[in-house]
């Protein structure tokens, strides 16, 4: 990140602020679910979250082939 073209990326972020903020909020929600599961030692929830993430990654990689 430190070697990016700062003005260009700042402009892109501003031009796409609605979509970017929506994705950031989705990411925050996902992190909150993980944090809650970790904090409460909810093994089953963590397995579910990590399994879903694994499946999403495998699906994404399959689409690239």
C-alpha atoms as a PDB file:
ATOM      1  CA  UNK A   1       0.000   0.000   0.000  1.00  0.00           C
ATOM      2  CA  UNK A   2       2.799   2.407   0.810  1.00  0.00           C
ATOM      3  CA  UNK A   3       4.062   2.469  -2.776  1.00  0.00           C
ATOM      4  CA  UNK A   4       0.733   3.362  -4.389  1.00  0.00           C
ATOM      5  CA  UNK A   5       0.008   6.448  -6.428  1.00  0.00           C
ATOM      6  CA  UNK A   6      -1.666   8.373  -3.591  1.00  0.00           C
ATOM      7  CA  UNK A   7      -3.501  11.027  -5.647  1.00  0.00           C
ATOM      8  CA  UNK A   8      -4.834   8.447  -8.114  1.00  0.00           C
ATOM      9  CA  UNK A   9      -6.113   6.065  -5.432  1.00  0.00           C
ATOM     10  CA  UNK A  10      -7.561   8.911  -3.383  1.00  0.00           C
ATOM     11  CA  UNK A  11      -9.482  10.052  -6.455  1.00  0.00           C
ATOM     12  CA  UNK A  12     -10.700   6.513  -7.159  1.00  0.00           C
ATOM     13  CA  UNK A  13     -11.853   6.101  -3.557  1.00  0.00           C
ATOM     14  CA  UNK A  14     -13.751   9.388  -3.694  1.00  0.00           C
ATOM     15  CA  UNK A  15     -15.315   8.634  -7.076  1.00  0.00           C
ATOM     16  CA  UNK A  16     -16.503   5.246  -5.849  1.00  0.00           C
ATOM     17  CA  UNK A  17     -17.304   6.212  -2.278  1.00  0.00           C
ATOM     18  CA  UNK A  18     -20.790   4.679  -2.105  1.00  0.00           C
ATOM     19  CA  UNK A  19     -19.707   1.273  -3.380  1.00  0.00           C
ATOM     20  CA  UNK A  20     -16.478   1.339  -1.384  1.00  0.00           C
ATOM     21  CA  UNK A  21     -18.244   2.280   1.854  1.00  0.00           C
ATOM     22  CA  UNK A  22     -20.797  -0.487   1.306  1.00  0.00           C
ATOM     23  CA  UNK A  23     -18.014  -3.057   0.885  1.00  0.00           C
ATOM     24  CA  UNK A  24     -16.177  -1.718   3.945  1.00  0.00           C
ATOM     25  CA  UNK A  25     -19.374  -2.085   5.982  1.00  0.00           C
ATOM     26  CA  UNK A  26     -19.780  -5.680   4.751  1.00  0.00           C
ATOM     27  CA  UNK A  27     -16.176  -6.368   5.744  1.00  0.00           C
ATOM     28  CA  UNK A  28     -16.721  -4.793   9.177  1.00  0.00           C
ATOM     29  CA  UNK A  29     -19.820  -6.956   9.692  1.00  0.00           C
ATOM     30  CA  UNK A  30     -17.846 -10.076   8.787  1.00  0.00           C
ATOM     31  CA  UNK A  31     -15.027  -9.101  11.142  1.00  0.00           C
ATOM     32  CA  UNK A  32     -17.550  -8.469  13.941  1.00  0.00           C
ATOM     33  CA  UNK A  33     -18.945 -11.986  13.488  1.00  0.00           C
ATOM     34  CA  UNK A  34     -15.453 -13.445  13.681  1.00  0.00           C
ATOM     35  CA  UNK A  35     -14.544 -11.292  16.677  1.00  0.00           C
ATOM     36  CA  UNK A  36     -17.685 -12.331  18.540  1.00  0.00           C
ATOM     37  CA  UNK A  37     -17.076 -16.014  17.825  1.00  0.00           C
ATOM     38  CA  UNK A  38     -13.455 -15.751  18.963  1.00  0.00           C
ATOM     39  CA  UNK A  39     -14.309 -13.729  22.056  1.00  0.00           C
ATOM     40  CA  UNK A  40     -17.015 -16.203  23.126  1.00  0.00           C
ATOM     41  CA  UNK A  41     -14.979 -19.267  22.168  1.00  0.00           C
ATOM     42  CA  UNK A  42     -17.793 -20.321  19.826  1.00  0.00           C
ATOM     43  CA  UNK A  43     -16.060 -23.192  18.069  1.00  0.00           C
ATOM     44  CA  UNK A  44     -19.091 -24.096  15.953  1.00  0.00           C
ATOM     45  CA  UNK A  45     -19.563 -20.533  14.698  1.00  0.00           C
ATOM     46  CA  UNK A  46     -15.862 -20.279  13.830  1.00  0.00           C
ATOM     47  CA  UNK A  47     -16.017 -23.568  11.925  1.00  0.00           C
ATOM     48  CA  UNK A  48     -19.057 -22.304  10.028  1.00  0.00           C
ATOM     49  CA  UNK A  49     -17.425 -18.952   9.203  1.00  0.00           C
ATOM     50  CA  UNK A  50     -14.143 -20.526   8.115  1.00  0.00           C
ATOM     51  CA  UNK A  51     -15.875 -23.249   6.105  1.00  0.00           C
ATOM     52  CA  UNK A  52     -17.952 -20.655   4.262  1.00  0.00           C
ATOM     53  CA  UNK A  53     -14.824 -18.599   3.560  1.00  0.00           C
ATOM     54  CA  UNK A  54     -13.052 -21.687   2.248  1.00  0.00           C
ATOM     55  CA  UNK A  55     -15.953 -22.562  -0.038  1.00  0.00           C
ATOM     56  CA  UNK A  56     -16.125 -18.986  -1.343  1.00  0.00           C
ATOM     57  CA  UNK A  57     -12.396 -19.054  -2.100  1.00  0.00           C
ATOM     58  CA  UNK A  58     -12.619 -22.417  -3.860  1.00  0.00           C
ATOM     59  CA  UNK A  59     -15.579 -21.203  -5.912  1.00  0.00           C
ATOM     60  CA  UNK A  60     -13.700 -18.044  -6.885  1.00  0.00           C
ATOM     61  CA  UNK A  61     -10.608 -20.025  -7.898  1.00  0.00           C
ATOM     62  CA  UNK A  62     -12.740 -22.422  -9.961  1.00  0.00           C
ATOM     63  CA  UNK A  63     -14.189 -19.459 -11.870  1.00  0.00           C
ATOM     64  CA  UNK A  64     -10.670 -18.369 -12.824  1.00  0.00           C
ATOM     65  CA  UNK A  65      -9.921 -21.667 -14.546  1.00  0.00           C
END
